[in-house]
Amino acid sequence: MAEGAFTLDSGATAMATLLRDHPAADGVFAANDLMAQGACQVLRERGRRIPEDVAVVGFDDSSIAVTCRPPLTTVRQPVGDMAAAMARMLGEQVQGTRTEPRTLVFEPELVVRESA
């Protein structure tokens, strides 16, 4: 495992660390698509083929996922549904109709592209 700061550069740095510490790694799951893109850059620089040598998966399904080379396999969250639920819960809190904490779980979606 290597930590990053959700930036392109931190993804590149984390990938370099992973390759140093685990040179036989054949898959990487990044905390967001930007970090995954940084990982892909380092892998290409080091002569690793994606996904043949190392599969790369991002998170967020941002526009970067489509423009990355190769296009990123990523996890998409239902952001619209999450925002609507947050607004409803906030409204309930403000109106005093519901004050106890509750947990909502949203189903993510794996978007398969060329990186994994």
Protein backbone atom coordinates (compact mmCIF):
# COMPACT_ATOMS: atom_id res chain seq x y z
CA MET A 1 0.00 0.00 0.00
CA ALA A 2 1.09 3.55 -0.75
CA GLU A 3 -0.69 6.73 0.23
CA GLY A 4 -1.43 9.70 -1.95
CA ALA A 5 -3.10 13.09 -1.77
CA PHE A 6 -5.68 12.68 -4.54
CA THR A 7 -3.44 14.45 -7.08
CA LEU A 8 -1.74 13.36 -10.29
CA ASP A 9 1.72 13.80 -8.77
CA SER A 10 0.85 11.86 -5.62
CA GLY A 11 -0.48 9.02 -7.75
CA ALA A 12 2.78 8.95 -9.67
CA THR A 13 4.81 9.01 -6.45
CA ALA A 14 2.69 6.25 -4.90
CA MET A 15 3.09 4.10 -8.02
CA ALA A 16 6.87 4.56 -7.96
CA THR A 17 6.86 3.51 -4.30
CA LEU A 18 4.72 0.45 -5.06
CA LEU A 19 7.01 -0.62 -7.88
CA ARG A 20 10.05 -0.22 -5.63
CA ASP A 21 8.49 -2.16 -2.74
CA HIS A 22 6.42 -4.67 -4.75
CA PRO A 23 7.97 -5.02 -8.21
CA ALA A 24 5.79 -8.03 -9.06
CA ALA A 25 2.51 -6.16 -8.41
CA ASP A 26 0.04 -6.85 -11.19
CA GLY A 27 -2.82 -4.59 -10.15
CA VAL A 28 -3.45 -1.18 -8.61
CA PHE A 29 -6.63 0.38 -7.22
CA ALA A 30 -6.29 4.14 -6.85
CA ALA A 31 -8.40 6.31 -4.56
CA ASN A 32 -9.43 8.51 -7.49
CA ASP A 33 -9.00 8.72 -11.26
CA LEU A 34 -6.40 11.48 -11.08
CA MET A 35 -4.11 9.30 -8.96
CA ALA A 36 -4.74 6.38 -11.32
CA GLN A 37 -3.63 8.54 -14.24
CA GLY A 38 -0.43 9.39 -12.37
CA ALA A 39 0.09 5.66 -11.76
CA CYS A 40 -0.37 4.96 -15.47
CA GLN A 41 2.25 7.57 -16.38
CA VAL A 42 4.84 5.94 -14.13
CA LEU A 43 3.98 2.46 -15.38
CA ARG A 44 4.45 3.55 -19.01
CA GLU A 45 7.76 5.29 -18.11
CA ARG A 46 8.98 2.05 -16.50
CA GLY A 47 8.01 -0.02 -19.54
CA ARG A 48 5.00 -1.73 -17.93
CA ARG A 49 2.05 -2.44 -20.18
CA ILE A 50 -1.45 -1.60 -18.97
CA PRO A 51 -3.37 -3.89 -18.42
CA GLU A 52 -1.17 -6.75 -19.63
CA ASP A 53 1.48 -6.27 -16.93
CA VAL A 54 -0.39 -4.14 -14.39
CA ALA A 55 -4.15 -3.55 -14.27
CA VAL A 56 -5.16 -0.09 -13.06
CA VAL A 57 -8.54 0.85 -11.60
CA GLY A 58 -9.54 4.35 -10.54
CA PHE A 59 -12.46 5.76 -8.59
CA ASP A 60 -14.99 8.50 -9.48
CA ASP A 61 -15.51 7.99 -13.24
CA SER A 62 -14.34 11.54 -13.88
CA SER A 63 -13.57 12.95 -17.33
CA ILE A 64 -9.96 11.92 -16.72
CA ALA A 65 -11.02 8.28 -16.87
CA VAL A 66 -11.93 8.65 -20.55
CA THR A 67 -8.95 10.80 -21.57
CA CYS A 68 -6.36 8.67 -19.77
CA ARG A 69 -4.34 6.28 -21.95
CA PRO A 70 -5.51 3.61 -21.85
CA PRO A 71 -9.04 4.67 -20.81
CA LEU A 72 -9.46 3.83 -17.13
CA THR A 73 -11.60 1.16 -15.63
CA THR A 74 -13.15 2.96 -12.68
CA VAL A 75 -15.84 2.91 -10.03
CA ARG A 76 -18.75 5.30 -10.48
CA GLN A 77 -20.75 6.54 -7.52
CA PRO A 78 -24.36 7.71 -7.94
CA VAL A 79 -23.44 11.31 -7.10
CA GLY A 80 -26.82 12.73 -8.14
CA ASP A 81 -28.68 10.28 -5.90
CA MET A 82 -26.26 10.99 -3.05
CA ALA A 83 -26.72 14.76 -3.36
CA ALA A 84 -30.53 14.44 -3.49
CA ALA A 85 -30.56 12.24 -0.39
CA MET A 86 -28.27 14.67 1.43
CA ALA A 87 -30.58 17.58 0.58
CA ARG A 88 -33.62 15.62 1.82
CA MET A 89 -31.87 14.68 5.05
CA LEU A 90 -30.71 18.25 5.60
CA GLY A 91 -34.24 19.50 5.03
CA GLU A 92 -35.58 17.00 7.57
CA GLN A 93 -32.95 18.14 10.06
CA VAL A 94 -33.73 21.83 9.56
CA GLN A 95 -37.49 21.24 9.81
CA GLY A 96 -37.04 19.03 12.86
CA THR A 97 -39.00 16.15 11.32
CA ARG A 98 -36.06 13.76 11.73
CA THR A 99 -33.17 14.37 14.06
CA GLU A 100 -31.68 10.92 14.70
CA PRO A 101 -28.64 9.90 12.67
CA ARG A 102 -29.12 7.41 9.86
CA THR A 103 -26.97 5.66 7.36
CA LEU A 104 -27.67 5.38 3.65
CA VAL A 105 -25.74 3.02 1.41
CA PHE A 106 -25.49 3.71 -2.30
CA GLU A 107 -24.60 1.07 -4.88
CA PRO A 108 -21.45 1.89 -6.89
CA GLU A 109 -21.00 0.74 -10.48
CA LEU A 110 -17.86 -0.73 -12.02
CA VAL A 111 -17.22 0.95 -15.39
CA VAL A 112 -14.98 -1.38 -17.36
CA ARG A 113 -12.68 0.24 -19.89
CA GLU A 114 -9.23 -0.73 -21.17
CA SER A 115 -6.96 -0.41 -18.10
CA ALA A 116 -8.12 -3.56 -16.32
